[in-house]
Each structure stands twice: as structure tokens, then as C-alpha cells.
Amino acid sequence: MTTLDLDTQARSGRWRPAPWVVPLFALAGIVLVPWTVLLVRSLPSTHAAAHWDIAWAGFDVGLALLLLGVAISGWRRSPWLEGTATAAATLLVVDAWFDIMTSSTHLELAIAIGEAVLIELPLAGLCYLLARDAERVLRR
């Protein structure tokens, strides 16, 4: 079972996913809608986590490694630039979201919004642009 239809790719010169890939992701997206409604209705608005510090530190280590990966792949003109930039952008948006949503005081919320607007979201936008234009950027 492969994710690529190599015969179609060879004939058309374009990559195409195997026939089962699109329905699988469509089903996953559709199933996620009622699951999200269930979570909104059933989860408590607060929750204590035993390893909150380690969870956030681990997330930030992963984000730091991805940002370094973007820098290194850009510097080396590596084809990894597209993937690392996309992953870094996604984690920056997730970081901004959770920083804002988990703020417990007005000061924390103000800081989280400031970081999101001034740092995380602009950097995520730049990463998405790098990912979109990676082939052109790497040819220069």
C-alpha cells in the first residue's frame, strides 16, 4: 500500500496521492466536527496538569529546533526548507493560540497577545511564505 500512484505520476508528470488518501483525510476531517462539539460540551473549563512545566518546555524545545532547522536549511539551500518552515509556522500559530487561551490573568493575556501579534504570528507568516516560495528561494 503506497501513498503515491506511481503509474499516474509517470504518465502525467505530476504527483497524485493513492486513491485511498483523499477519502481518509476527508473522513478524518468530518469525524473531527462532532468530536469537537462533544469536547466543547463535556470538557471542564479548567484542568490541572501534573507536568505543565515539562509540557511547555518540551513544546518550546521542539519549536526552537524547528526554527534552527529553518535557518540551517535556508543557509544550506536544502530542500528541507519547505517542510521545516511549514512545521515551524504551524507550531508558532499553535503556540500563540495556547498562550492566549491559557492565560490566567489580564497581564498574562496582554503579554500573550503582544507576543502573538508582534512575534509569533509575523514569524509564522514569514515561515509560510518561505515554504510557499522554497523552490524559488533555493534557486537564488
C-alpha atoms as a PDB file:
ATOM      1  CA  MET A   1       0.000   0.000   0.000  1.00  0.00           C
ATOM      2  CA  THR A   2       1.609   3.250  -1.091  1.00  0.00           C
ATOM      3  CA  THR A   3       0.519   6.852  -0.897  1.00  0.00           C
ATOM      4  CA  LEU A   4       1.666   7.530  -4.438  1.00  0.00           C
ATOM      5  CA  ASP A   5       0.097   6.341  -7.636  1.00  0.00           C
ATOM      6  CA  LEU A   6       3.409   5.916  -9.480  1.00  0.00           C
ATOM      7  CA  ASP A   7       1.854   4.915 -12.816  1.00  0.00           C
ATOM      8  CA  THR A   8      -0.287   8.053 -12.889  1.00  0.00           C
ATOM      9  CA  GLN A   9       2.679  10.122 -11.806  1.00  0.00           C
ATOM     10  CA  ALA A  10       4.852   8.714 -14.581  1.00  0.00           C
ATOM     11  CA  ARG A  11       2.209   9.391 -17.245  1.00  0.00           C
ATOM     12  CA  SER A  12       1.228  12.885 -16.163  1.00  0.00           C
ATOM     13  CA  GLY A  13       4.498  14.098 -14.686  1.00  0.00           C
ATOM     14  CA  ARG A  14       2.569  15.208 -11.588  1.00  0.00           C
ATOM     15  CA  TRP A  15       2.360  13.694  -8.126  1.00  0.00           C
ATOM     16  CA  ARG A  16      -1.000  12.236  -7.188  1.00  0.00           C
ATOM     17  CA  PRO A  17      -1.971  10.546  -3.951  1.00  0.00           C
ATOM     18  CA  ALA A  18      -3.177   6.958  -3.938  1.00  0.00           C
ATOM     19  CA  PRO A  19      -6.973   6.661  -4.247  1.00  0.00           C
ATOM     20  CA  TRP A  20      -7.457   5.940  -0.519  1.00  0.00           C
ATOM     21  CA  VAL A  21      -5.571   9.027   0.754  1.00  0.00           C
ATOM     22  CA  VAL A  22      -8.150  11.724  -0.081  1.00  0.00           C
ATOM     23  CA  PRO A  23     -11.161   9.836   1.359  1.00  0.00           C
ATOM     24  CA  LEU A  24      -9.193   9.001   4.511  1.00  0.00           C
ATOM     25  CA  PHE A  25      -8.372  12.647   5.239  1.00  0.00           C
ATOM     26  CA  ALA A  26     -11.883  13.768   4.292  1.00  0.00           C
ATOM     27  CA  LEU A  27     -13.334  11.233   6.729  1.00  0.00           C
ATOM     28  CA  ALA A  28     -10.915  12.346   9.450  1.00  0.00           C
ATOM     29  CA  GLY A  29     -11.965  15.973   8.964  1.00  0.00           C
ATOM     30  CA  ILE A  30     -15.670  15.101   9.011  1.00  0.00           C
ATOM     31  CA  VAL A  31     -15.352  12.930  12.145  1.00  0.00           C
ATOM     32  CA  LEU A  32     -13.464  15.711  13.907  1.00  0.00           C
ATOM     33  CA  VAL A  33     -16.501  18.044  13.748  1.00  0.00           C
ATOM     34  CA  PRO A  34     -18.818  16.044  16.055  1.00  0.00           C
ATOM     35  CA  TRP A  35     -15.830  15.129  18.219  1.00  0.00           C
ATOM     36  CA  THR A  36     -15.105  18.838  18.718  1.00  0.00           C
ATOM     37  CA  VAL A  37     -18.747  19.511  19.616  1.00  0.00           C
ATOM     38  CA  LEU A  38     -18.580  16.674  22.152  1.00  0.00           C
ATOM     39  CA  LEU A  39     -15.428  18.136  23.690  1.00  0.00           C
ATOM     40  CA  VAL A  40     -16.929  21.627  23.934  1.00  0.00           C
ATOM     41  CA  ARG A  41     -19.969  20.217  25.736  1.00  0.00           C
ATOM     42  CA  SER A  42     -18.186  17.767  28.034  1.00  0.00           C
ATOM     43  CA  LEU A  43     -14.777  19.161  28.998  1.00  0.00           C
ATOM     44  CA  PRO A  44     -14.454  21.320  32.109  1.00  0.00           C
ATOM     45  CA  SER A  45     -13.329  24.909  31.560  1.00  0.00           C
ATOM     46  CA  THR A  46     -10.323  24.348  33.857  1.00  0.00           C
ATOM     47  CA  HIS A  47      -7.976  21.425  34.337  1.00  0.00           C
ATOM     48  CA  ALA A  48      -4.869  20.901  36.483  1.00  0.00           C
ATOM     49  CA  ALA A  49      -1.951  19.245  34.706  1.00  0.00           C
ATOM     50  CA  ALA A  50       0.735  17.409  36.659  1.00  0.00           C
ATOM     51  CA  HIS A  51       3.538  18.105  34.164  1.00  0.00           C
ATOM     52  CA  TRP A  52       2.530  21.531  32.822  1.00  0.00           C
ATOM     53  CA  ASP A  53       6.099  22.872  33.018  1.00  0.00           C
ATOM     54  CA  ILE A  54       7.587  19.914  31.153  1.00  0.00           C
ATOM     55  CA  ALA A  55       4.860  20.000  28.502  1.00  0.00           C
ATOM     56  CA  TRP A  56       5.518  23.669  27.691  1.00  0.00           C
ATOM     57  CA  ALA A  57       9.301  23.338  27.911  1.00  0.00           C
ATOM     58  CA  GLY A  58       9.211  20.336  25.568  1.00  0.00           C
ATOM     59  CA  PHE A  59       6.997  22.202  23.125  1.00  0.00           C
ATOM     60  CA  ASP A  60       9.346  25.199  23.149  1.00  0.00           C
ATOM     61  CA  VAL A  61      12.400  22.957  22.636  1.00  0.00           C
ATOM     62  CA  GLY A  62      10.702  21.428  19.595  1.00  0.00           C
ATOM     63  CA  LEU A  63       9.807  24.878  18.274  1.00  0.00           C
ATOM     64  CA  ALA A  64      13.375  26.107  18.811  1.00  0.00           C
ATOM     65  CA  LEU A  65      14.762  23.095  16.932  1.00  0.00           C
ATOM     66  CA  LEU A  66      12.376  23.724  14.043  1.00  0.00           C
ATOM     67  CA  LEU A  67      13.338  27.401  13.849  1.00  0.00           C
ATOM     68  CA  LEU A  68      17.004  26.389  13.815  1.00  0.00           C
ATOM     69  CA  GLY A  69      16.104  23.861  11.120  1.00  0.00           C
ATOM     70  CA  VAL A  70      14.591  26.655   9.018  1.00  0.00           C
ATOM     71  CA  ALA A  71      17.755  28.728   9.453  1.00  0.00           C
ATOM     72  CA  ILE A  72      20.107  25.853   8.653  1.00  0.00           C
ATOM     73  CA  SER A  73      18.105  24.561   5.682  1.00  0.00           C
ATOM     74  CA  GLY A  74      17.849  28.085   4.274  1.00  0.00           C
ATOM     75  CA  TRP A  75      21.564  28.691   4.772  1.00  0.00           C
ATOM     76  CA  ARG A  76      22.463  25.347   3.171  1.00  0.00           C
ATOM     77  CA  ARG A  77      19.846  25.789   0.427  1.00  0.00           C
ATOM     78  CA  SER A  78      18.407  22.450   1.461  1.00  0.00           C
ATOM     79  CA  PRO A  79      15.134  21.020   0.155  1.00  0.00           C
ATOM     80  CA  TRP A  80      14.211  20.601   3.844  1.00  0.00           C
ATOM     81  CA  LEU A  81      13.397  24.337   3.931  1.00  0.00           C
ATOM     82  CA  GLU A  82       9.805  23.832   2.790  1.00  0.00           C
ATOM     83  CA  GLY A  83       8.986  21.203   5.415  1.00  0.00           C
ATOM     84  CA  THR A  84      10.779  22.830   8.331  1.00  0.00           C
ATOM     85  CA  ALA A  85       9.279  26.237   7.542  1.00  0.00           C
ATOM     86  CA  THR A  86       5.764  24.772   7.312  1.00  0.00           C
ATOM     87  CA  ALA A  87       6.154  22.876  10.585  1.00  0.00           C
ATOM     88  CA  ALA A  88       7.660  25.906  12.347  1.00  0.00           C
ATOM     89  CA  ALA A  89       4.847  28.165  11.126  1.00  0.00           C
ATOM     90  CA  THR A  90       2.249  25.722  12.361  1.00  0.00           C
ATOM     91  CA  LEU A  91       3.838  25.425  15.799  1.00  0.00           C
ATOM     92  CA  LEU A  92       4.165  29.216  16.072  1.00  0.00           C
ATOM     93  CA  VAL A  93       0.420  29.600  15.449  1.00  0.00           C
ATOM     94  CA  VAL A  94      -0.348  26.812  17.931  1.00  0.00           C
ATOM     95  CA  ASP A  95       1.955  28.449  20.494  1.00  0.00           C
ATOM     96  CA  ALA A  96       0.202  31.800  20.091  1.00  0.00           C
ATOM     97  CA  TRP A  97      -3.230  30.161  20.409  1.00  0.00           C
ATOM     98  CA  PHE A  98      -2.417  28.235  23.576  1.00  0.00           C
ATOM     99  CA  ASP A  99      -0.532  31.135  25.174  1.00  0.00           C
ATOM    100  CA  ILE A 100      -3.617  33.310  24.729  1.00  0.00           C
ATOM    101  CA  MET A 101      -6.178  30.673  25.667  1.00  0.00           C
ATOM    102  CA  THR A 102      -4.335  29.522  28.798  1.00  0.00           C
ATOM    103  CA  SER A 103      -3.581  32.984  30.190  1.00  0.00           C
ATOM    104  CA  SER A 104      -4.960  33.201  33.709  1.00  0.00           C
ATOM    105  CA  THR A 105      -4.534  36.917  34.444  1.00  0.00           C
ATOM    106  CA  HIS A 106      -5.077  40.111  32.488  1.00  0.00           C
ATOM    107  CA  LEU A 107      -1.314  40.717  32.472  1.00  0.00           C
ATOM    108  CA  GLU A 108      -0.594  37.224  31.100  1.00  0.00           C
ATOM    109  CA  LEU A 109      -3.256  37.744  28.442  1.00  0.00           C
ATOM    110  CA  ALA A 110      -1.802  41.121  27.428  1.00  0.00           C
ATOM    111  CA  ILE A 111       1.695  39.633  27.182  1.00  0.00           C
ATOM    112  CA  ALA A 112       0.427  36.626  25.195  1.00  0.00           C
ATOM    113  CA  ILE A 113      -1.469  38.849  22.752  1.00  0.00           C
ATOM    114  CA  GLY A 114       1.557  41.124  22.399  1.00  0.00           C
ATOM    115  CA  GLU A 115       3.866  38.189  21.692  1.00  0.00           C
ATOM    116  CA  ALA A 116       1.374  36.730  19.221  1.00  0.00           C
ATOM    117  CA  VAL A 117       0.867  39.979  17.310  1.00  0.00           C
ATOM    118  CA  LEU A 118       4.473  41.199  17.379  1.00  0.00           C
ATOM    119  CA  ILE A 119       6.494  37.977  17.194  1.00  0.00           C
ATOM    120  CA  GLU A 120       4.781  34.618  16.721  1.00  0.00           C
ATOM    121  CA  LEU A 121       2.223  35.362  14.004  1.00  0.00           C
ATOM    122  CA  PRO A 122       4.527  37.549  11.857  1.00  0.00           C
ATOM    123  CA  LEU A 123       7.245  34.897  12.116  1.00  0.00           C
ATOM    124  CA  ALA A 124       4.690  32.219  11.215  1.00  0.00           C
ATOM    125  CA  GLY A 125       3.647  34.274   8.188  1.00  0.00           C
ATOM    126  CA  LEU A 126       7.267  34.575   7.101  1.00  0.00           C
ATOM    127  CA  CYS A 127       7.725  30.819   7.512  1.00  0.00           C
ATOM    128  CA  TYR A 128       4.636  30.140   5.393  1.00  0.00           C
ATOM    129  CA  LEU A 129       5.974  32.480   2.695  1.00  0.00           C
ATOM    130  CA  LEU A 130       9.340  30.709   2.804  1.00  0.00           C
ATOM    131  CA  ALA A 131       7.613  27.351   2.488  1.00  0.00           C
ATOM    132  CA  ARG A 132       5.461  28.551  -0.400  1.00  0.00           C
ATOM    133  CA  ASP A 133       8.426  30.013  -2.262  1.00  0.00           C
ATOM    134  CA  ALA A 134      11.071  27.496  -1.136  1.00  0.00           C
ATOM    135  CA  GLU A 135      11.964  26.254  -4.608  1.00  0.00           C
ATOM    136  CA  ARG A 136      12.377  29.786  -5.951  1.00  0.00           C
ATOM    137  CA  VAL A 137      14.258  30.931  -2.829  1.00  0.00           C
ATOM    138  CA  LEU A 138      16.632  27.979  -3.030  1.00  0.00           C
ATOM    139  CA  ARG A 139      17.466  28.647  -6.707  1.00  0.00           C
ATOM    140  CA  ARG A 140      18.851  32.114  -5.928  1.00  0.00           C
END
